PDB file of N, CA and C in Angstrom:
ATOM      1  N   MET A   1     -22.615 -15.456  16.279  1.00  0.00           N
ATOM      2  CA  MET A   1     -21.181 -15.357  16.214  1.00  0.00           C
ATOM      3  C   MET A   1     -20.826 -15.148  14.782  1.00  0.00           C
ATOM      4  N   ARG A   2     -20.180 -14.179  14.401  1.00  0.00           N
ATOM      5  CA  ARG A   2     -19.748 -13.735  13.112  1.00  0.00           C
ATOM      6  C   ARG A   2     -18.296 -14.516  12.775  1.00  0.00           C
ATOM      7  N   ARG A   3     -18.203 -14.912  11.348  1.00  0.00           N
ATOM      8  CA  ARG A   3     -17.144 -15.624  11.027  1.00  0.00           C
ATOM      9  C   ARG A   3     -15.760 -14.420  10.520  1.00  0.00           C
ATOM     10  N   VAL A   4     -14.690 -15.077  11.235  1.00  0.00           N
ATOM     11  CA  VAL A   4     -13.548 -14.121  10.850  1.00  0.00           C
ATOM     12  C   VAL A   4     -12.993 -14.777   9.492  1.00  0.00           C
ATOM     13  N   ASN A   5     -12.534 -13.932   8.594  1.00  0.00           N
ATOM     14  CA  ASN A   5     -11.788 -14.174   7.577  1.00  0.00           C
ATOM     15  C   ASN A   5     -10.402 -14.763   7.808  1.00  0.00           C
ATOM     16  N   LYS A   6     -10.122 -15.906   7.356  1.00  0.00           N
ATOM     17  CA  LYS A   6      -8.675 -16.552   7.668  1.00  0.00           C
ATOM     18  C   LYS A   6      -7.774 -15.889   6.828  1.00  0.00           C
ATOM     19  N   ARG A   7      -6.755 -15.324   7.295  1.00  0.00           N
ATOM     20  CA  ARG A   7      -5.764 -14.707   6.214  1.00  0.00           C
ATOM     21  C   ARG A   7      -4.707 -15.693   6.063  1.00  0.00           C
ATOM     22  N   THR A   8      -4.099 -15.825   4.768  1.00  0.00           N
ATOM     23  CA  THR A   8      -3.139 -16.841   4.717  1.00  0.00           C
ATOM     24  C   THR A   8      -1.735 -16.397   5.265  1.00  0.00           C
ATOM     25  N   PHE A   9      -0.898 -17.446   5.422  1.00  0.00           N
ATOM     26  CA  PHE A   9       0.306 -17.196   5.872  1.00  0.00           C
ATOM     27  C   PHE A   9       1.245 -16.190   5.132  1.00  0.00           C
ATOM     28  N   GLU A  10       1.040 -16.361   3.957  1.00  0.00           N
ATOM     29  CA  GLU A  10       1.877 -15.268   3.222  1.00  0.00           C
ATOM     30  C   GLU A  10       1.371 -13.866   3.274  1.00  0.00           C
ATOM     31  N   GLU A  11       0.018 -13.773   3.547  1.00  0.00           N
ATOM     32  CA  GLU A  11      -0.439 -12.281   3.712  1.00  0.00           C
ATOM     33  C   GLU A  11       0.025 -11.750   5.035  1.00  0.00           C
ATOM     34  N   LEU A  12      -0.091 -12.612   6.056  1.00  0.00           N
ATOM     35  CA  LEU A  12       0.387 -12.320   7.389  1.00  0.00           C
ATOM     36  C   LEU A  12       2.099 -11.968   7.253  1.00  0.00           C
ATOM     37  N   VAL A  13       2.793 -12.769   6.750  1.00  0.00           N
ATOM     38  CA  VAL A  13       4.180 -12.483   6.568  1.00  0.00           C
ATOM     39  C   VAL A  13       4.522 -11.064   5.918  1.00  0.00           C
ATOM     40  N   ARG A  14       3.652 -10.988   4.694  1.00  0.00           N
ATOM     41  CA  ARG A  14       3.791  -9.472   4.139  1.00  0.00           C
ATOM     42  C   ARG A  14       3.421  -8.475   4.909  1.00  0.00           C
ATOM     43  N   GLU A  15       2.468  -8.545   5.543  1.00  0.00           N
ATOM     44  CA  GLU A  15       2.026  -7.485   6.655  1.00  0.00           C
ATOM     45  C   GLU A  15       3.028  -7.230   7.741  1.00  0.00           C
ATOM     46  N   ASN A  16       3.575  -8.434   8.224  1.00  0.00           N
ATOM     47  CA  ASN A  16       4.619  -8.133   9.253  1.00  0.00           C
ATOM     48  C   ASN A  16       6.032  -7.539   8.780  1.00  0.00           C
ATOM     49  N   LYS A  17       6.352  -7.883   7.411  1.00  0.00           N
ATOM     50  CA  LYS A  17       7.423  -7.292   6.811  1.00  0.00           C
ATOM     51  C   LYS A  17       7.283  -5.896   6.570  1.00  0.00           C
ATOM     52  N   SER A  18       6.085  -5.377   5.879  1.00  0.00           N
ATOM     53  CA  SER A  18       5.939  -4.017   5.817  1.00  0.00           C
ATOM     54  C   SER A  18       5.725  -3.151   6.994  1.00  0.00           C
ATOM     55  N   LYS A  19       5.252  -3.737   8.254  1.00  0.00           N
ATOM     56  CA  LYS A  19       5.189  -3.122   9.599  1.00  0.00           C
ATOM     57  C   LYS A  19       6.420  -3.077  10.048  1.00  0.00           C
ATOM     58  N   LEU A  20       7.495  -4.089   9.995  1.00  0.00           N
ATOM     59  CA  LEU A  20       8.811  -4.089  10.388  1.00  0.00           C
ATOM     60  C   LEU A  20       9.670  -2.739   9.693  1.00  0.00           C
ATOM     61  N   LEU A  21       9.430  -2.754   8.269  1.00  0.00           N
ATOM     62  CA  LEU A  21      10.077  -1.846   7.577  1.00  0.00           C
ATOM     63  C   LEU A  21       9.625  -0.228   8.319  1.00  0.00           C
ATOM     64  N   GLU A  22       8.300  -0.187   8.255  1.00  0.00           N
ATOM     65  CA  GLU A  22       7.925   0.856   9.089  1.00  0.00           C
ATOM     66  C   GLU A  22       8.572   1.177  10.340  1.00  0.00           C
ATOM     67  N   ASP A  23       8.608   0.498  11.288  1.00  0.00           N
ATOM     68  CA  ASP A  23       9.198   0.439  12.449  1.00  0.00           C
ATOM     69  C   ASP A  23      10.698   0.932  12.316  1.00  0.00           C
ATOM     70  N   GLN A  24      11.332   0.165  11.465  1.00  0.00           N
ATOM     71  CA  GLN A  24      12.949   0.536  11.360  1.00  0.00           C
ATOM     72  C   GLN A  24      13.032   1.955  10.873  1.00  0.00           C
ATOM     73  N   GLN A  25      12.085   2.419   9.751  1.00  0.00           N
ATOM     74  CA  GLN A  25      12.313   3.812   9.510  1.00  0.00           C
ATOM     75  C   GLN A  25      11.943   4.773  10.580  1.00  0.00           C
ATOM     76  N   GLU A  26      11.119   4.486  11.597  1.00  0.00           N
ATOM     77  CA  GLU A  26      10.694   5.298  12.690  1.00  0.00           C
ATOM     78  C   GLU A  26      11.762   5.320  13.628  1.00  0.00           C
ATOM     79  N   ILE A  27      12.641   4.205  13.814  1.00  0.00           N
ATOM     80  CA  ILE A  27      13.661   3.960  14.633  1.00  0.00           C
ATOM     81  C   ILE A  27      14.996   4.981  14.022  1.00  0.00           C
ATOM     82  N   GLU A  28      14.991   5.049  12.595  1.00  0.00           N
ATOM     83  CA  GLU A  28      16.100   5.709  11.946  1.00  0.00           C
ATOM     84  C   GLU A  28      15.917   7.005  12.246  1.00  0.00           C
ATOM     85  N   ARG A  29      14.720   7.567  12.289  1.00  0.00           N
ATOM     86  CA  ARG A  29      14.262   9.036  12.558  1.00  0.00           C
ATOM     87  C   ARG A  29      14.688   9.463  13.966  1.00  0.00           C
ATOM     88  N   ILE A  30      14.223   8.665  14.831  1.00  0.00           N
ATOM     89  CA  ILE A  30      14.449   8.866  16.318  1.00  0.00           C
ATOM     90  C   ILE A  30      15.914   8.911  16.767  1.00  0.00           C
ATOM     91  N   GLU A  31      16.626   7.919  15.762  1.00  0.00           N
ATOM     92  CA  GLU A  31      18.061   7.975  16.183  1.00  0.00           C
ATOM     93  C   GLU A  31      18.577   9.235  15.753  1.00  0.00           C
ATOM     94  N   LEU A  32      18.342   9.636  14.448  1.00  0.00           N
ATOM     95  CA  LEU A  32      18.853  10.920  14.040  1.00  0.00           C
ATOM     96  C   LEU A  32      18.507  12.109  14.797  1.00  0.00           C
ATOM     97  N   ALA A  33      17.340  12.246  15.319  1.00  0.00           N
ATOM     98  CA  ALA A  33      16.980  13.297  16.177  1.00  0.00           C
ATOM     99  C   ALA A  33      17.838  13.273  17.439  1.00  0.00           C
ATOM    100  N   ILE A  34      18.040  12.129  17.814  1.00  0.00           N
ATOM    101  CA  ILE A  34      18.976  11.914  19.249  1.00  0.00           C
ATOM    102  C   ILE A  34      20.348  12.439  18.957  1.00  0.00           C
ATOM    103  N   GLU A  35      20.901  11.965  17.807  1.00  0.00           N
ATOM    104  CA  GLU A  35      22.218  12.437  17.507  1.00  0.00           C
ATOM    105  C   GLU A  35      22.323  14.028  17.417  1.00  0.00           C
ATOM    106  N   GLU A  36      21.305  14.532  16.688  1.00  0.00           N
ATOM    107  CA  GLU A  36      21.368  16.035  16.497  1.00  0.00           C
ATOM    108  C   GLU A  36      21.460  16.745  17.754  1.00  0.00           C
ATOM    109  N   ARG A  37      20.493  16.205  18.688  1.00  0.00           N
ATOM    110  CA  ARG A  37      20.390  16.747  20.037  1.00  0.00           C
ATOM    111  C   ARG A  37      21.801  16.662  20.899  1.00  0.00           C
ATOM    112  N   LEU A  38      22.357  15.445  20.671  1.00  0.00           N
ATOM    113  CA  LEU A  38      23.710  15.292  21.351  1.00  0.00           C
ATOM    114  C   LEU A  38      24.827  16.365  20.778  1.00  0.00           C
ATOM    115  N   GLU A  39      24.733  16.309  19.386  1.00  0.00           N
ATOM    116  CA  GLU A  39      25.541  17.329  18.730  1.00  0.00           C
ATOM    117  C   GLU A  39      25.526  18.742  19.120  1.00  0.00           C
ATOM    118  N   LYS A  40      24.254  19.255  19.241  1.00  0.00           N
ATOM    119  CA  LYS A  40      23.771  20.461  19.837  1.00  0.00           C
ATOM    120  C   LYS A  40      24.436  20.736  21.262  1.00  0.00           C
ATOM    121  N   ARG A  41      24.201  19.794  21.975  1.00  0.00           N
ATOM    122  CA  ARG A  41      24.609  19.879  23.479  1.00  0.00           C
ATOM    123  C   ARG A  41      26.122  19.961  23.854  1.00  0.00           C
ATOM    124  N   MET A  42      26.702  19.057  22.866  1.00  0.00           N
ATOM    125  CA  MET A  42      28.254  19.230  22.810  1.00  0.00           C
ATOM    126  C   MET A  42      28.831  20.419  22.436  1.00  0.00           C
ATOM    127  N   LEU A  43      28.066  21.025  21.351  1.00  0.00           N
ATOM    128  CA  LEU A  43      28.640  22.465  20.926  1.00  0.00           C
ATOM    129  C   LEU A  43      28.239  23.495  22.046  1.00  0.00           C
ATOM    130  N   GLU A  44      27.275  23.340  22.650  1.00  0.00           N
ATOM    131  CA  GLU A  44      26.944  24.279  23.727  1.00  0.00           C
ATOM    132  C   GLU A  44      27.948  24.143  24.658  1.00  0.00           C
ATOM    133  N   LYS A  45      28.267  22.862  25.405  1.00  0.00           N
ATOM    134  CA  LYS A  45      29.325  22.776  26.154  1.00  0.00           C
ATOM    135  C   LYS A  45      30.656  23.408  25.908  1.00  0.00           C
ATOM    136  N   ALA A  46      30.919  23.217  24.673  1.00  0.00           N
ATOM    137  CA  ALA A  46      32.382  23.517  24.059  1.00  0.00           C
ATOM    138  C   ALA A  46      32.599  25.212  24.258  1.00  0.00           C
ATOM    139  N   GLU A  47      31.410  25.632  24.188  1.00  0.00           N
ATOM    140  CA  GLU A  47      31.381  27.314  24.069  1.00  0.00           C
ATOM    141  C   GLU A  47      31.944  27.959  25.574  1.00  0.00           C
TER     142      GLU A  47
END
């Protein structure tokens, strides 16, 4: 049985915060893409 390194609570918190930040940035990119598509569709319908 191999030994697993125990990570400190602070390390886990830091990793979670950076992952959360990455996820939030990805969500923003997706929201922007959706907004662009909606605008394009509305312009097409207006024509």
